[in-house]
Amino acid sequence: MLTKDKVKELIDHMPETFSVDDLVDKVILLQKIENGEKEIEDGEGIDWEDMKKEMDLWLK
């Protein structure tokens, strides 16, 4: 879950002027990263070796 502080920090690192679309994109990306980190903490992530095997299949 995002916090106000994280969103404020995100805004602080953006240029002085930006579009709402840019902000929404950054917030969505931040949320996806946080979700991925939580999945890894919960042991739900994909093992690196398994991921390499998946990528080999995709790239054939």
PDB file of N, CA and C in Angstrom:
ATOM      1  N   MET A   1       0.856  -1.178   0.000  1.00  0.00           N
ATOM      2  CA  MET A   1       0.000   0.000   0.000  1.00  0.00           C
ATOM      3  C   MET A   1       0.897   1.235   0.000  1.00  0.00           C
ATOM      4  N   LEU A   2       0.549   2.178  -0.818  1.00  0.00           N
ATOM      5  CA  LEU A   2       1.302   3.427  -0.875  1.00  0.00           C
ATOM      6  C   LEU A   2       0.978   4.293   0.332  1.00  0.00           C
ATOM      7  N   THR A   3       1.937   5.096   0.704  1.00  0.00           N
ATOM      8  CA  THR A   3       1.715   6.055   1.781  1.00  0.00           C
ATOM      9  C   THR A   3       1.789   7.467   1.201  1.00  0.00           C
ATOM     10  N   LYS A   4       1.238   8.408   1.938  1.00  0.00           N
ATOM     11  CA  LYS A   4       1.308   9.803   1.513  1.00  0.00           C
ATOM     12  C   LYS A   4       2.762  10.236   1.368  1.00  0.00           C
ATOM     13  N   ASP A   5       3.594   9.797   2.310  1.00  0.00           N
ATOM     14  CA  ASP A   5       5.001  10.189   2.270  1.00  0.00           C
ATOM     15  C   ASP A   5       5.682   9.709   0.992  1.00  0.00           C
ATOM     16  N   LYS A   6       5.379   8.487   0.562  1.00  0.00           N
ATOM     17  CA  LYS A   6       5.993   7.968  -0.661  1.00  0.00           C
ATOM     18  C   LYS A   6       5.517   8.736  -1.883  1.00  0.00           C
ATOM     19  N   VAL A   7       4.246   9.086  -1.912  1.00  0.00           N
ATOM     20  CA  VAL A   7       3.716   9.856  -3.040  1.00  0.00           C
ATOM     21  C   VAL A   7       4.304  11.266  -3.023  1.00  0.00           C
ATOM     22  N   LYS A   8       4.424  11.857  -1.834  1.00  0.00           N
ATOM     23  CA  LYS A   8       5.041  13.186  -1.734  1.00  0.00           C
ATOM     24  C   LYS A   8       6.485  13.143  -2.220  1.00  0.00           C
ATOM     25  N   GLU A   9       7.217  12.110  -1.841  1.00  0.00           N
ATOM     26  CA  GLU A   9       8.603  11.966  -2.279  1.00  0.00           C
ATOM     27  C   GLU A   9       8.667  11.823  -3.800  1.00  0.00           C
ATOM     28  N   LEU A  10       7.747  11.058  -4.350  1.00  0.00           N
ATOM     29  CA  LEU A  10       7.672  10.892  -5.802  1.00  0.00           C
ATOM     30  C   LEU A  10       7.459  12.248  -6.477  1.00  0.00           C
ATOM     31  N   ILE A  11       6.534  13.024  -5.957  1.00  0.00           N
ATOM     32  CA  ILE A  11       6.249  14.346  -6.522  1.00  0.00           C
ATOM     33  C   ILE A  11       7.460  15.259  -6.384  1.00  0.00           C
ATOM     34  N   ASP A  12       8.155  15.179  -5.254  1.00  0.00           N
ATOM     35  CA  ASP A  12       9.336  16.017  -5.045  1.00  0.00           C
ATOM     36  C   ASP A  12      10.431  15.735  -6.070  1.00  0.00           C
ATOM     37  N   HIS A  13      10.479  14.522  -6.596  1.00  0.00           N
ATOM     38  CA  HIS A  13      11.509  14.155  -7.565  1.00  0.00           C
ATOM     39  C   HIS A  13      11.075  14.393  -9.017  1.00  0.00           C
ATOM     40  N   MET A  14       9.881  14.886  -9.201  1.00  0.00           N
ATOM     41  CA  MET A  14       9.397  15.172 -10.556  1.00  0.00           C
ATOM     42  C   MET A  14       9.794  16.597 -10.938  1.00  0.00           C
ATOM     43  N   PRO A  15       9.788  16.881 -12.243  1.00  0.00           N
ATOM     44  CA  PRO A  15      10.101  18.251 -12.676  1.00  0.00           C
ATOM     45  C   PRO A  15       9.082  19.256 -12.120  1.00  0.00           C
ATOM     46  N   GLU A  16       9.429  20.510 -12.230  1.00  0.00           N
ATOM     47  CA  GLU A  16       8.560  21.565 -11.702  1.00  0.00           C
ATOM     48  C   GLU A  16       7.180  21.547 -12.358  1.00  0.00           C
ATOM     49  N   THR A  17       7.123  21.231 -13.637  1.00  0.00           N
ATOM     50  CA  THR A  17       5.839  21.098 -14.322  1.00  0.00           C
ATOM     51  C   THR A  17       5.747  19.693 -14.908  1.00  0.00           C
ATOM     52  N   PHE A  18       4.573  19.093 -14.783  1.00  0.00           N
ATOM     53  CA  PHE A  18       4.350  17.746 -15.311  1.00  0.00           C
ATOM     54  C   PHE A  18       2.858  17.558 -15.535  1.00  0.00           C
ATOM     55  N   SER A  19       2.537  16.579 -16.356  1.00  0.00           N
ATOM     56  CA  SER A  19       1.125  16.316 -16.644  1.00  0.00           C
ATOM     57  C   SER A  19       0.552  15.349 -15.609  1.00  0.00           C
ATOM     58  N   VAL A  20      -0.742  15.353 -15.507  1.00  0.00           N
ATOM     59  CA  VAL A  20      -1.420  14.411 -14.617  1.00  0.00           C
ATOM     60  C   VAL A  20      -1.132  12.986 -15.080  1.00  0.00           C
ATOM     61  N   ASP A  21      -1.077  12.786 -16.398  1.00  0.00           N
ATOM     62  CA  ASP A  21      -0.771  11.453 -16.927  1.00  0.00           C
ATOM     63  C   ASP A  21       0.602  10.975 -16.459  1.00  0.00           C
ATOM     64  N   ASP A  22       1.590  11.876 -16.461  1.00  0.00           N
ATOM     65  CA  ASP A  22       2.927  11.509 -15.984  1.00  0.00           C
ATOM     66  C   ASP A  22       2.887  11.102 -14.513  1.00  0.00           C
ATOM     67  N   LEU A  23       2.157  11.855 -13.719  1.00  0.00           N
ATOM     68  CA  LEU A  23       2.045  11.543 -12.295  1.00  0.00           C
ATOM     69  C   LEU A  23       1.363  10.196 -12.088  1.00  0.00           C
ATOM     70  N   VAL A  24       0.266   9.971 -12.792  1.00  0.00           N
ATOM     71  CA  VAL A  24      -0.464   8.708 -12.659  1.00  0.00           C
ATOM     72  C   VAL A  24       0.431   7.543 -13.070  1.00  0.00           C
ATOM     73  N   ASP A  25       1.175   7.702 -14.173  1.00  0.00           N
ATOM     74  CA  ASP A  25       2.092   6.646 -14.612  1.00  0.00           C
ATOM     75  C   ASP A  25       3.120   6.323 -13.535  1.00  0.00           C
ATOM     76  N   LYS A  26       3.677   7.354 -12.917  1.00  0.00           N
ATOM     77  CA  LYS A  26       4.692   7.146 -11.875  1.00  0.00           C
ATOM     78  C   LYS A  26       4.084   6.469 -10.645  1.00  0.00           C
ATOM     79  N   VAL A  27       2.880   6.871 -10.264  1.00  0.00           N
ATOM     80  CA  VAL A  27       2.219   6.263  -9.105  1.00  0.00           C
ATOM     81  C   VAL A  27       1.913   4.792  -9.389  1.00  0.00           C
ATOM     82  N   ILE A  28       1.445   4.492 -10.595  1.00  0.00           N
ATOM     83  CA  ILE A  28       1.163   3.100 -10.962  1.00  0.00           C
ATOM     84  C   ILE A  28       2.442   2.277 -10.924  1.00  0.00           C
ATOM     85  N   LEU A  29       3.529   2.823 -11.477  1.00  0.00           N
ATOM     86  CA  LEU A  29       4.809   2.113 -11.460  1.00  0.00           C
ATOM     87  C   LEU A  29       5.268   1.864 -10.027  1.00  0.00           C
ATOM     88  N   LEU A  30       5.181   2.873  -9.180  1.00  0.00           N
ATOM     89  CA  LEU A  30       5.572   2.723  -7.781  1.00  0.00           C
ATOM     90  C   LEU A  30       4.746   1.634  -7.102  1.00  0.00           C
ATOM     91  N   GLN A  31       3.447   1.605  -7.359  1.00  0.00           N
ATOM     92  CA  GLN A  31       2.573   0.587  -6.767  1.00  0.00           C
ATOM     93  C   GLN A  31       2.957  -0.803  -7.251  1.00  0.00           C
ATOM     94  N   LYS A  32       3.263  -0.943  -8.537  1.00  0.00           N
ATOM     95  CA  LYS A  32       3.659  -2.247  -9.076  1.00  0.00           C
ATOM     96  C   LYS A  32       4.967  -2.722  -8.458  1.00  0.00           C
ATOM     97  N   ILE A  33       5.901  -1.810  -8.277  1.00  0.00           N
ATOM     98  CA  ILE A  33       7.168  -2.170  -7.639  1.00  0.00           C
ATOM     99  C   ILE A  33       6.920  -2.628  -6.209  1.00  0.00           C
ATOM    100  N   GLU A  34       6.104  -1.891  -5.484  1.00  0.00           N
ATOM    101  CA  GLU A  34       5.800  -2.274  -4.100  1.00  0.00           C
ATOM    102  C   GLU A  34       5.090  -3.624  -4.045  1.00  0.00           C
ATOM    103  N   ASN A  35       4.166  -3.866  -4.967  1.00  0.00           N
ATOM    104  CA  ASN A  35       3.482  -5.163  -5.004  1.00  0.00           C
ATOM    105  C   ASN A  35       4.481  -6.285  -5.263  1.00  0.00           C
ATOM    106  N   GLY A  36       5.413  -6.064  -6.190  1.00  0.00           N
ATOM    107  CA  GLY A  36       6.431  -7.068  -6.486  1.00  0.00           C
ATOM    108  C   GLY A  36       7.329  -7.340  -5.294  1.00  0.00           C
ATOM    109  N   GLU A  37       7.725  -6.289  -4.590  1.00  0.00           N
ATOM    110  CA  GLU A  37       8.559  -6.466  -3.401  1.00  0.00           C
ATOM    111  C   GLU A  37       7.816  -7.260  -2.328  1.00  0.00           C
ATOM    112  N   LYS A  38       6.526  -6.989  -2.170  1.00  0.00           N
ATOM    113  CA  LYS A  38       5.738  -7.731  -1.176  1.00  0.00           C
ATOM    114  C   LYS A  38       5.620  -9.200  -1.572  1.00  0.00           C
ATOM    115  N   GLU A  39       5.411  -9.474  -2.863  1.00  0.00           N
ATOM    116  CA  GLU A  39       5.337 -10.860  -3.325  1.00  0.00           C
ATOM    117  C   GLU A  39       6.638 -11.599  -3.023  1.00  0.00           C
ATOM    118  N   ILE A  40       7.761 -10.936  -3.253  1.00  0.00           N
ATOM    119  CA  ILE A  40       9.052 -11.560  -2.966  1.00  0.00           C
ATOM    120  C   ILE A  40       9.176 -11.843  -1.471  1.00  0.00           C
ATOM    121  N   GLU A  41       8.807 -10.870  -0.636  1.00  0.00           N
ATOM    122  CA  GLU A  41       8.858 -11.060   0.817  1.00  0.00           C
ATOM    123  C   GLU A  41       7.981 -12.228   1.255  1.00  0.00           C
ATOM    124  N   ASP A  42       6.844 -12.406   0.577  1.00  0.00           N
ATOM    125  CA  ASP A  42       5.902 -13.471   0.928  1.00  0.00           C
ATOM    126  C   ASP A  42       6.259 -14.806   0.273  1.00  0.00           C
ATOM    127  N   GLY A  43       7.391 -14.841  -0.435  1.00  0.00           N
ATOM    128  CA  GLY A  43       7.821 -16.079  -1.080  1.00  0.00           C
ATOM    129  C   GLY A  43       7.034 -16.421  -2.327  1.00  0.00           C
ATOM    130  N   GLU A  44       6.360 -15.437  -2.909  1.00  0.00           N
ATOM    131  CA  GLU A  44       5.531 -15.682  -4.084  1.00  0.00           C
ATOM    132  C   GLU A  44       6.242 -15.345  -5.392  1.00  0.00           C
ATOM    133  N   GLY A  45       7.464 -14.857  -5.301  1.00  0.00           N
ATOM    134  CA  GLY A  45       8.187 -14.471  -6.507  1.00  0.00           C
ATOM    135  C   GLY A  45       8.655 -15.684  -7.296  1.00  0.00           C
ATOM    136  N   ILE A  46       9.111 -15.430  -8.505  1.00  0.00           N
ATOM    137  CA  ILE A  46       9.627 -16.488  -9.364  1.00  0.00           C
ATOM    138  C   ILE A  46      11.136 -16.572  -9.169  1.00  0.00           C
ATOM    139  N   ASP A  47      11.628 -17.769  -8.973  1.00  0.00           N
ATOM    140  CA  ASP A  47      13.054 -18.009  -8.824  1.00  0.00           C
ATOM    141  C   ASP A  47      13.780 -17.556 -10.092  1.00  0.00           C
ATOM    142  N   TRP A  48      14.978 -16.989  -9.939  1.00  0.00           N
ATOM    143  CA  TRP A  48      15.728 -16.459 -11.073  1.00  0.00           C
ATOM    144  C   TRP A  48      15.992 -17.535 -12.127  1.00  0.00           C
ATOM    145  N   GLU A  49      16.361 -18.727 -11.707  1.00  0.00           N
ATOM    146  CA  GLU A  49      16.638 -19.804 -12.661  1.00  0.00           C
ATOM    147  C   GLU A  49      15.373 -20.188 -13.432  1.00  0.00           C
ATOM    148  N   ASP A  50      14.245 -20.247 -12.743  1.00  0.00           N
ATOM    149  CA  ASP A  50      12.974 -20.542 -13.416  1.00  0.00           C
ATOM    150  C   ASP A  50      12.620 -19.438 -14.411  1.00  0.00           C
ATOM    151  N   MET A  51      12.914 -18.207 -14.030  1.00  0.00           N
ATOM    152  CA  MET A  51      12.618 -17.084 -14.917  1.00  0.00           C
ATOM    153  C   MET A  51      13.473 -17.149 -16.175  1.00  0.00           C
ATOM    154  N   LYS A  52      14.741 -17.514 -16.029  1.00  0.00           N
ATOM    155  CA  LYS A  52      15.607 -17.640 -17.205  1.00  0.00           C
ATOM    156  C   LYS A  52      15.083 -18.720 -18.145  1.00  0.00           C
ATOM    157  N   LYS A  53      14.585 -19.829 -17.599  1.00  0.00           N
ATOM    158  CA  LYS A  53      14.004 -20.892 -18.427  1.00  0.00           C
ATOM    159  C   LYS A  53      12.769 -20.377 -19.168  1.00  0.00           C
ATOM    160  N   GLU A  54      11.925 -19.620 -18.471  1.00  0.00           N
ATOM    161  CA  GLU A  54      10.732 -19.035 -19.098  1.00  0.00           C
ATOM    162  C   GLU A  54      11.134 -18.101 -20.241  1.00  0.00           C
ATOM    163  N   MET A  55      12.131 -17.269 -19.983  1.00  0.00           N
ATOM    164  CA  MET A  55      12.583 -16.324 -21.004  1.00  0.00           C
ATOM    165  C   MET A  55      13.126 -17.057 -22.226  1.00  0.00           C
ATOM    166  N   ASP A  56      13.853 -18.144 -22.003  1.00  0.00           N
ATOM    167  CA  ASP A  56      14.361 -18.934 -23.129  1.00  0.00           C
ATOM    168  C   ASP A  56      13.212 -19.439 -23.994  1.00  0.00           C
ATOM    169  N   LEU A  57      12.121 -19.861 -23.356  1.00  0.00           N
ATOM    170  CA  LEU A  57      10.957 -20.331 -24.113  1.00  0.00           C
ATOM    171  C   LEU A  57      10.301 -19.190 -24.892  1.00  0.00           C
ATOM    172  N   TRP A  58      10.202 -18.032 -24.277  1.00  0.00           N
ATOM    173  CA  TRP A  58       9.562 -16.890 -24.923  1.00  0.00           C
ATOM    174  C   TRP A  58      10.362 -16.403 -26.127  1.00  0.00           C
ATOM    175  N   LEU A  59      11.686 -16.473 -26.009  1.00  0.00           N
ATOM    176  CA  LEU A  59      12.545 -15.888 -27.040  1.00  0.00           C
ATOM    177  C   LEU A  59      12.853 -16.841 -28.190  1.00  0.00           C
ATOM    178  N   LYS A  60      12.309 -18.048 -28.159  1.00  0.00           N
ATOM    179  CA  LYS A  60      12.540 -19.005 -29.250  1.00  0.00           C
ATOM    180  C   LYS A  60      11.658 -18.718 -30.424  1.00  0.00           C
TER     181      LYS A  60
END
